[in-house]
N, C-alpha and C. Protein backbone atom coordinates (compact mmCIF):
# COMPACT_ATOMS: atom_id res chain seq x y z
N UNK A 1 59.28 15.55 7.07
CA UNK A 1 58.79 16.89 6.95
C UNK A 1 57.65 17.07 7.95
N UNK A 2 57.72 18.09 8.70
CA UNK A 2 56.74 18.37 9.72
C UNK A 2 55.78 19.44 9.21
N UNK A 3 54.45 19.15 9.29
CA UNK A 3 53.45 20.10 8.83
C UNK A 3 52.96 20.88 10.03
N UNK A 4 52.97 22.17 9.87
CA UNK A 4 52.45 23.02 10.94
C UNK A 4 50.93 23.05 10.85
N UNK A 5 50.30 22.93 11.96
CA UNK A 5 48.84 22.98 12.00
C UNK A 5 48.42 24.40 12.35
N UNK A 6 48.08 25.14 11.31
CA UNK A 6 47.60 26.50 11.52
C UNK A 6 46.19 26.61 10.99
N UNK A 7 45.64 27.80 10.93
CA UNK A 7 44.26 27.97 10.52
C UNK A 7 44.02 27.54 9.07
N UNK A 8 44.97 27.71 8.19
CA UNK A 8 44.84 27.29 6.79
C UNK A 8 44.75 25.77 6.68
N UNK A 9 45.56 25.06 7.45
CA UNK A 9 45.52 23.60 7.46
C UNK A 9 44.18 23.11 8.02
N UNK A 10 43.70 23.75 9.06
CA UNK A 10 42.42 23.38 9.68
C UNK A 10 41.25 23.56 8.71
N UNK A 11 41.24 24.67 7.98
CA UNK A 11 40.18 24.91 7.00
C UNK A 11 40.24 23.89 5.88
N UNK A 12 41.43 23.58 5.41
CA UNK A 12 41.61 22.60 4.34
C UNK A 12 41.13 21.22 4.80
N UNK A 13 41.50 20.81 6.00
CA UNK A 13 41.05 19.51 6.52
C UNK A 13 39.53 19.49 6.69
N UNK A 14 38.95 20.58 7.18
CA UNK A 14 37.51 20.66 7.35
C UNK A 14 36.79 20.52 6.01
N UNK A 15 37.27 21.22 4.98
CA UNK A 15 36.65 21.15 3.65
C UNK A 15 36.76 19.74 3.08
N UNK A 16 37.90 19.11 3.23
CA UNK A 16 38.09 17.74 2.72
C UNK A 16 37.16 16.77 3.44
N UNK A 17 37.06 16.88 4.77
CA UNK A 17 36.15 16.00 5.52
C UNK A 17 34.69 16.28 5.18
N UNK A 18 34.33 17.54 4.99
CA UNK A 18 32.97 17.92 4.65
C UNK A 18 32.56 17.35 3.29
N UNK A 19 33.43 17.49 2.30
CA UNK A 19 33.15 16.96 0.96
C UNK A 19 33.09 15.43 1.00
N UNK A 20 33.99 14.80 1.76
CA UNK A 20 33.98 13.34 1.87
C UNK A 20 32.68 12.85 2.49
N UNK A 21 32.20 13.55 3.52
CA UNK A 21 30.95 13.18 4.17
C UNK A 21 29.79 13.27 3.18
N UNK A 22 29.72 14.33 2.39
CA UNK A 22 28.63 14.48 1.42
C UNK A 22 28.73 13.46 0.29
N UNK A 23 29.92 13.11 -0.14
CA UNK A 23 30.07 12.05 -1.15
C UNK A 23 29.57 10.74 -0.58
N UNK A 24 29.87 10.47 0.70
CA UNK A 24 29.37 9.26 1.36
C UNK A 24 27.85 9.26 1.42
N UNK A 25 27.23 10.40 1.79
CA UNK A 25 25.77 10.49 1.86
C UNK A 25 25.13 10.28 0.49
N UNK A 26 25.70 10.85 -0.54
CA UNK A 26 25.17 10.68 -1.90
C UNK A 26 25.24 9.22 -2.30
N UNK A 27 26.35 8.57 -2.03
CA UNK A 27 26.49 7.14 -2.34
C UNK A 27 25.47 6.33 -1.56
N UNK A 28 25.27 6.66 -0.30
CA UNK A 28 24.33 5.92 0.55
C UNK A 28 22.89 6.07 0.04
N UNK A 29 22.48 7.27 -0.34
CA UNK A 29 21.11 7.46 -0.82
C UNK A 29 20.90 6.89 -2.21
N UNK A 30 21.91 6.87 -3.05
CA UNK A 30 21.76 6.29 -4.39
C UNK A 30 21.66 4.77 -4.33
N UNK A 31 22.24 4.14 -3.32
CA UNK A 31 22.19 2.68 -3.23
C UNK A 31 20.91 2.18 -2.56
N UNK A 32 20.14 3.05 -1.94
CA UNK A 32 18.89 2.67 -1.28
C UNK A 32 17.75 2.64 -2.29
N UNK A 33 16.90 1.60 -2.21
CA UNK A 33 15.76 1.47 -3.10
C UNK A 33 14.53 2.04 -2.41
N UNK A 34 13.87 2.97 -3.09
CA UNK A 34 12.65 3.59 -2.55
C UNK A 34 11.48 3.18 -3.43
N UNK A 35 10.42 2.69 -2.79
CA UNK A 35 9.21 2.34 -3.51
C UNK A 35 8.19 3.45 -3.31
N UNK A 36 7.63 3.91 -4.42
CA UNK A 36 6.53 4.86 -4.30
C UNK A 36 5.26 4.06 -4.03
N UNK A 37 4.25 4.71 -3.54
CA UNK A 37 2.99 4.04 -3.26
C UNK A 37 2.45 3.42 -4.54
N UNK A 38 2.58 4.12 -5.62
CA UNK A 38 2.15 3.63 -6.92
C UNK A 38 3.06 4.21 -7.99
N UNK A 39 3.22 3.50 -9.09
CA UNK A 39 4.07 3.99 -10.16
C UNK A 39 3.44 5.17 -10.89
N UNK A 40 2.13 5.17 -10.98
CA UNK A 40 1.41 6.25 -11.68
C UNK A 40 0.87 7.26 -10.66
N UNK A 41 1.75 7.80 -9.87
CA UNK A 41 1.35 8.66 -8.76
C UNK A 41 0.59 9.90 -9.23
N UNK A 42 1.12 10.61 -10.21
CA UNK A 42 0.50 11.86 -10.63
C UNK A 42 -0.81 11.66 -11.39
N UNK A 43 -0.92 10.71 -12.32
CA UNK A 43 -2.23 10.50 -12.95
C UNK A 43 -3.30 10.05 -11.96
N UNK A 44 -2.91 9.28 -10.94
CA UNK A 44 -3.90 8.83 -9.96
C UNK A 44 -4.40 9.97 -9.09
N UNK A 45 -3.62 11.02 -8.96
CA UNK A 45 -4.07 12.14 -8.13
C UNK A 45 -5.26 12.86 -8.75
N UNK A 46 -5.45 12.73 -10.05
CA UNK A 46 -6.59 13.38 -10.70
C UNK A 46 -7.91 12.68 -10.39
N UNK A 47 -7.86 11.42 -10.04
CA UNK A 47 -9.09 10.68 -9.71
C UNK A 47 -9.30 10.59 -8.19
N UNK A 48 -8.56 11.38 -7.46
CA UNK A 48 -8.62 11.32 -6.00
C UNK A 48 -10.00 11.72 -5.47
N UNK A 49 -10.64 12.67 -6.12
CA UNK A 49 -11.96 13.14 -5.66
C UNK A 49 -13.00 12.02 -5.71
N UNK A 50 -12.95 11.19 -6.76
CA UNK A 50 -13.89 10.07 -6.84
C UNK A 50 -13.60 9.04 -5.75
N UNK A 51 -12.33 8.88 -5.40
CA UNK A 51 -11.97 7.96 -4.33
C UNK A 51 -12.51 8.45 -2.99
N UNK A 52 -12.49 9.76 -2.78
CA UNK A 52 -13.04 10.33 -1.55
C UNK A 52 -14.55 10.07 -1.49
N UNK A 53 -15.23 10.22 -2.61
CA UNK A 53 -16.67 9.98 -2.65
C UNK A 53 -16.98 8.51 -2.38
N UNK A 54 -16.19 7.60 -2.95
CA UNK A 54 -16.38 6.17 -2.70
C UNK A 54 -16.15 5.84 -1.23
N UNK A 55 -15.15 6.47 -0.62
CA UNK A 55 -14.87 6.26 0.80
C UNK A 55 -16.02 6.76 1.66
N UNK A 56 -16.60 7.88 1.28
CA UNK A 56 -17.78 8.39 1.99
C UNK A 56 -18.93 7.39 1.94
N UNK A 57 -19.14 6.79 0.78
CA UNK A 57 -20.20 5.78 0.66
C UNK A 57 -19.91 4.58 1.56
N UNK A 58 -18.64 4.15 1.62
CA UNK A 58 -18.29 3.00 2.44
C UNK A 58 -18.46 3.31 3.93
N UNK A 59 -18.12 4.52 4.34
CA UNK A 59 -18.30 4.89 5.75
C UNK A 59 -19.77 5.00 6.12
N UNK A 60 -20.61 5.32 5.18
CA UNK A 60 -22.05 5.42 5.44
C UNK A 60 -22.66 4.05 5.74
N UNK A 61 -21.96 2.98 5.38
CA UNK A 61 -22.47 1.63 5.66
C UNK A 61 -22.33 1.27 7.14
N UNK A 62 -21.54 2.02 7.89
CA UNK A 62 -21.33 1.82 9.33
C UNK A 62 -20.67 0.49 9.67
N UNK A 63 -20.08 -0.16 8.72
CA UNK A 63 -19.29 -1.37 8.99
C UNK A 63 -18.23 -1.51 7.90
N UNK A 64 -17.19 -2.25 8.25
CA UNK A 64 -16.10 -2.45 7.31
C UNK A 64 -16.19 -3.85 6.70
N UNK A 65 -15.35 -4.07 5.73
CA UNK A 65 -15.25 -5.41 5.16
C UNK A 65 -14.73 -6.34 6.25
N UNK A 66 -15.38 -7.46 6.40
CA UNK A 66 -14.95 -8.43 7.40
C UNK A 66 -13.97 -9.41 6.77
N UNK A 67 -12.85 -9.65 7.47
CA UNK A 67 -11.81 -10.57 6.98
C UNK A 67 -11.57 -11.62 8.05
N UNK A 68 -11.68 -12.88 7.66
CA UNK A 68 -11.38 -13.98 8.56
C UNK A 68 -10.37 -14.88 7.87
N UNK A 69 -9.43 -15.37 8.66
CA UNK A 69 -8.45 -16.33 8.14
C UNK A 69 -8.80 -17.69 8.71
N UNK A 70 -9.19 -18.60 7.81
CA UNK A 70 -9.57 -19.94 8.21
C UNK A 70 -8.71 -20.92 7.41
N UNK A 71 -7.92 -21.70 8.16
CA UNK A 71 -6.98 -22.65 7.55
C UNK A 71 -6.10 -21.93 6.53
N UNK A 72 -6.20 -22.31 5.27
CA UNK A 72 -5.37 -21.71 4.23
C UNK A 72 -6.16 -20.78 3.32
N UNK A 73 -7.21 -20.18 3.84
CA UNK A 73 -7.99 -19.29 2.99
C UNK A 73 -8.43 -18.05 3.77
N UNK A 74 -8.72 -17.01 3.00
CA UNK A 74 -9.27 -15.79 3.57
C UNK A 74 -10.74 -15.73 3.20
N UNK A 75 -11.56 -15.31 4.14
CA UNK A 75 -12.98 -15.14 3.87
C UNK A 75 -13.26 -13.64 3.96
N UNK A 76 -13.65 -13.05 2.83
CA UNK A 76 -13.96 -11.63 2.76
C UNK A 76 -15.47 -11.48 2.65
N UNK A 77 -16.04 -10.64 3.52
CA UNK A 77 -17.48 -10.40 3.47
C UNK A 77 -17.73 -8.92 3.28
N UNK A 78 -18.47 -8.60 2.23
CA UNK A 78 -18.80 -7.21 1.95
C UNK A 78 -19.82 -6.71 2.97
N UNK A 79 -19.69 -5.46 3.41
CA UNK A 79 -20.64 -4.93 4.39
C UNK A 79 -21.99 -4.62 3.77
N UNK A 80 -23.02 -4.64 4.61
CA UNK A 80 -24.40 -4.28 4.22
C UNK A 80 -24.89 -5.08 3.02
N UNK A 81 -24.58 -6.36 2.99
CA UNK A 81 -24.99 -7.20 1.86
C UNK A 81 -26.41 -7.68 2.06
N UNK A 82 -27.21 -7.59 1.04
CA UNK A 82 -28.58 -8.09 1.04
C UNK A 82 -28.71 -9.12 -0.07
N UNK A 83 -29.55 -10.10 0.14
CA UNK A 83 -29.78 -11.12 -0.89
C UNK A 83 -30.32 -10.43 -2.14
N UNK A 84 -29.74 -10.77 -3.26
CA UNK A 84 -30.15 -10.18 -4.53
C UNK A 84 -29.23 -9.06 -4.98
N UNK A 85 -28.33 -8.61 -4.10
CA UNK A 85 -27.35 -7.58 -4.51
C UNK A 85 -26.37 -8.16 -5.51
N UNK A 86 -25.81 -7.29 -6.30
CA UNK A 86 -24.73 -7.68 -7.21
C UNK A 86 -23.54 -6.79 -6.92
N UNK A 87 -22.35 -7.33 -7.13
CA UNK A 87 -21.13 -6.57 -6.85
C UNK A 87 -20.09 -6.86 -7.91
N UNK A 88 -19.32 -5.83 -8.24
CA UNK A 88 -18.18 -5.99 -9.14
C UNK A 88 -17.08 -5.07 -8.64
N UNK A 89 -15.89 -5.29 -9.08
CA UNK A 89 -14.76 -4.46 -8.66
C UNK A 89 -13.53 -5.32 -8.45
N UNK A 90 -12.66 -4.85 -7.53
CA UNK A 90 -11.44 -5.61 -7.28
C UNK A 90 -10.96 -5.40 -5.85
N UNK A 91 -10.28 -6.44 -5.35
CA UNK A 91 -9.59 -6.39 -4.08
C UNK A 91 -8.10 -6.33 -4.39
N UNK A 92 -7.43 -5.32 -3.87
CA UNK A 92 -5.98 -5.20 -4.06
C UNK A 92 -5.32 -5.45 -2.72
N UNK A 93 -4.51 -6.49 -2.66
CA UNK A 93 -3.72 -6.76 -1.47
C UNK A 93 -2.39 -6.05 -1.67
N UNK A 94 -2.26 -4.88 -1.04
CA UNK A 94 -1.10 -4.00 -1.19
C UNK A 94 -0.10 -4.31 -0.08
N UNK A 95 1.12 -4.66 -0.47
CA UNK A 95 2.19 -4.94 0.51
C UNK A 95 3.09 -3.72 0.59
N UNK A 96 3.02 -2.97 1.70
CA UNK A 96 3.74 -1.69 1.79
C UNK A 96 5.25 -1.80 1.64
N UNK A 97 5.84 -2.91 2.06
CA UNK A 97 7.29 -3.00 2.01
C UNK A 97 7.84 -3.57 0.71
N UNK A 98 6.98 -4.06 -0.18
CA UNK A 98 7.47 -4.59 -1.46
C UNK A 98 6.34 -4.56 -2.49
N UNK A 99 6.41 -3.58 -3.39
CA UNK A 99 5.36 -3.41 -4.40
C UNK A 99 5.27 -4.60 -5.35
N UNK A 100 6.32 -5.36 -5.49
CA UNK A 100 6.31 -6.52 -6.38
C UNK A 100 5.45 -7.66 -5.88
N UNK A 101 5.04 -7.60 -4.62
CA UNK A 101 4.24 -8.68 -4.04
C UNK A 101 2.77 -8.31 -3.89
N UNK A 102 2.35 -7.23 -4.55
CA UNK A 102 0.94 -6.86 -4.54
C UNK A 102 0.13 -7.88 -5.34
N UNK A 103 -1.10 -8.14 -4.91
CA UNK A 103 -1.96 -9.10 -5.59
C UNK A 103 -3.32 -8.44 -5.83
N UNK A 104 -3.83 -8.56 -7.06
CA UNK A 104 -5.14 -8.02 -7.41
C UNK A 104 -6.09 -9.18 -7.68
N UNK A 105 -7.24 -9.15 -7.00
CA UNK A 105 -8.23 -10.22 -7.15
C UNK A 105 -9.56 -9.58 -7.51
N UNK A 106 -10.23 -10.04 -8.57
CA UNK A 106 -11.54 -9.47 -8.91
C UNK A 106 -12.60 -9.88 -7.88
N UNK A 107 -13.56 -8.99 -7.67
CA UNK A 107 -14.67 -9.29 -6.75
C UNK A 107 -15.57 -10.32 -7.40
N UNK A 108 -15.79 -11.41 -6.70
CA UNK A 108 -16.64 -12.49 -7.19
C UNK A 108 -17.32 -13.11 -5.97
N UNK A 109 -18.27 -12.41 -5.39
CA UNK A 109 -18.91 -12.85 -4.15
C UNK A 109 -20.08 -13.78 -4.44
N UNK A 110 -20.41 -14.61 -3.44
CA UNK A 110 -21.55 -15.52 -3.59
C UNK A 110 -22.84 -14.82 -3.15
N UNK A 111 -23.93 -15.56 -2.99
CA UNK A 111 -25.24 -14.98 -2.65
C UNK A 111 -25.27 -14.33 -1.26
N UNK A 112 -24.34 -14.71 -0.38
CA UNK A 112 -24.29 -14.13 0.96
C UNK A 112 -23.31 -12.95 1.04
N UNK A 113 -22.71 -12.57 -0.07
CA UNK A 113 -21.75 -11.47 -0.07
C UNK A 113 -20.38 -11.88 0.42
N UNK A 114 -20.07 -13.16 0.32
CA UNK A 114 -18.80 -13.71 0.82
C UNK A 114 -17.94 -14.15 -0.36
N UNK A 115 -16.65 -13.87 -0.26
CA UNK A 115 -15.71 -14.35 -1.27
C UNK A 115 -14.57 -15.08 -0.56
N UNK A 116 -14.26 -16.27 -1.06
CA UNK A 116 -13.14 -17.05 -0.53
C UNK A 116 -11.92 -16.73 -1.36
N UNK A 117 -10.83 -16.41 -0.68
CA UNK A 117 -9.57 -16.11 -1.36
C UNK A 117 -8.53 -17.10 -0.87
N UNK A 118 -7.91 -17.79 -1.81
CA UNK A 118 -6.84 -18.73 -1.46
C UNK A 118 -5.52 -18.03 -1.74
N UNK A 119 -4.81 -17.65 -0.69
CA UNK A 119 -3.65 -16.76 -0.83
C UNK A 119 -2.41 -17.44 -1.40
N UNK A 120 -2.50 -17.99 -2.59
CA UNK A 120 -1.34 -18.64 -3.18
C UNK A 120 -0.27 -17.61 -3.56
N UNK A 121 -0.67 -16.43 -4.00
CA UNK A 121 0.30 -15.41 -4.38
C UNK A 121 0.69 -14.49 -3.23
N UNK A 122 0.08 -14.69 -2.06
CA UNK A 122 0.37 -13.83 -0.92
C UNK A 122 1.43 -14.46 -0.03
N UNK A 123 2.49 -13.72 0.24
CA UNK A 123 3.52 -14.21 1.16
C UNK A 123 3.16 -13.74 2.56
N UNK A 124 3.78 -14.33 3.53
CA UNK A 124 3.51 -13.96 4.92
C UNK A 124 3.91 -12.51 5.17
N UNK A 125 3.06 -11.79 5.90
CA UNK A 125 3.38 -10.41 6.23
C UNK A 125 2.14 -9.54 6.27
N UNK A 126 2.38 -8.24 6.44
CA UNK A 126 1.29 -7.26 6.55
C UNK A 126 0.88 -6.79 5.16
N UNK A 127 -0.42 -6.74 4.95
CA UNK A 127 -0.99 -6.22 3.72
C UNK A 127 -2.05 -5.19 4.08
N UNK A 128 -2.32 -4.32 3.13
CA UNK A 128 -3.47 -3.43 3.24
C UNK A 128 -4.43 -3.85 2.14
N UNK A 129 -5.61 -4.29 2.53
CA UNK A 129 -6.62 -4.68 1.56
C UNK A 129 -7.31 -3.41 1.08
N UNK A 130 -7.15 -3.10 -0.19
CA UNK A 130 -7.81 -1.94 -0.79
C UNK A 130 -8.96 -2.48 -1.62
N UNK A 131 -10.16 -2.33 -1.09
CA UNK A 131 -11.35 -2.87 -1.75
C UNK A 131 -12.05 -1.75 -2.50
N UNK A 132 -12.21 -1.95 -3.79
CA UNK A 132 -12.90 -0.98 -4.65
C UNK A 132 -13.99 -1.75 -5.38
N UNK A 133 -15.25 -1.53 -4.96
CA UNK A 133 -16.33 -2.32 -5.54
C UNK A 133 -17.56 -1.45 -5.80
N UNK A 134 -18.41 -1.97 -6.68
CA UNK A 134 -19.68 -1.32 -6.99
C UNK A 134 -20.78 -2.30 -6.61
N UNK A 135 -21.71 -1.82 -5.79
CA UNK A 135 -22.82 -2.66 -5.35
C UNK A 135 -24.11 -1.87 -5.59
N UNK A 136 -25.00 -2.43 -6.39
CA UNK A 136 -26.28 -1.78 -6.72
C UNK A 136 -26.08 -0.35 -7.24
N UNK A 137 -25.19 -0.20 -8.20
CA UNK A 137 -24.91 1.08 -8.86
C UNK A 137 -24.31 2.15 -7.94
N UNK A 138 -23.79 1.78 -6.79
CA UNK A 138 -23.10 2.72 -5.90
C UNK A 138 -21.67 2.23 -5.73
N UNK A 139 -20.72 3.15 -5.92
CA UNK A 139 -19.30 2.79 -5.82
C UNK A 139 -18.82 2.95 -4.38
N UNK A 140 -17.98 2.00 -3.93
CA UNK A 140 -17.44 2.00 -2.58
C UNK A 140 -15.93 1.78 -2.64
N UNK A 141 -15.25 2.32 -1.63
CA UNK A 141 -13.81 2.09 -1.48
C UNK A 141 -13.50 2.03 0.01
N UNK A 142 -12.76 1.01 0.42
CA UNK A 142 -12.38 0.86 1.81
C UNK A 142 -11.01 0.21 1.90
N UNK A 143 -10.29 0.52 2.97
CA UNK A 143 -8.98 -0.07 3.21
C UNK A 143 -9.00 -0.74 4.59
N UNK A 144 -8.48 -1.96 4.63
CA UNK A 144 -8.42 -2.72 5.88
C UNK A 144 -7.04 -3.35 5.97
N UNK A 145 -6.43 -3.24 7.13
CA UNK A 145 -5.13 -3.86 7.35
C UNK A 145 -5.33 -5.33 7.69
N UNK A 146 -4.50 -6.18 7.09
CA UNK A 146 -4.61 -7.62 7.33
C UNK A 146 -3.21 -8.22 7.40
N UNK A 147 -3.03 -9.20 8.28
CA UNK A 147 -1.75 -9.89 8.41
C UNK A 147 -1.93 -11.33 7.94
N UNK A 148 -1.12 -11.72 6.98
CA UNK A 148 -1.14 -13.09 6.45
C UNK A 148 -0.06 -13.88 7.20
N UNK A 149 -0.45 -14.90 7.95
CA UNK A 149 0.56 -15.67 8.71
C UNK A 149 1.39 -16.59 7.82
């Protein structure tokens, strides 16, 4: 049986190919895993103003957190540290490509404002260090990109 190719056949083939293409796209997007920056995205947006204020305080220090990689450890130094200061808070090593590999470390600096971190839970790759700390009753927040070899 020979099928004539007329305008009706062309429209039918176009509609079938169009629907098939969209079914393929839907399947492709459903099989892809997307990580949000954080699981609690909307509740965290309510505290965004305090984060901006903390960032302003950190920028006023005119220096960033210093990170050095020595042998198998990271050396983190808080900016504008003076002897007698106290600090509390947390360092979050955020891995942009896999949220399951994020590591949270409490701030526990010595008298010189230095904290040694032994990256046992950190895999090789790029991290963003999100430092949220309080020093002498002033809150600070800073982000620094770091690569763990």
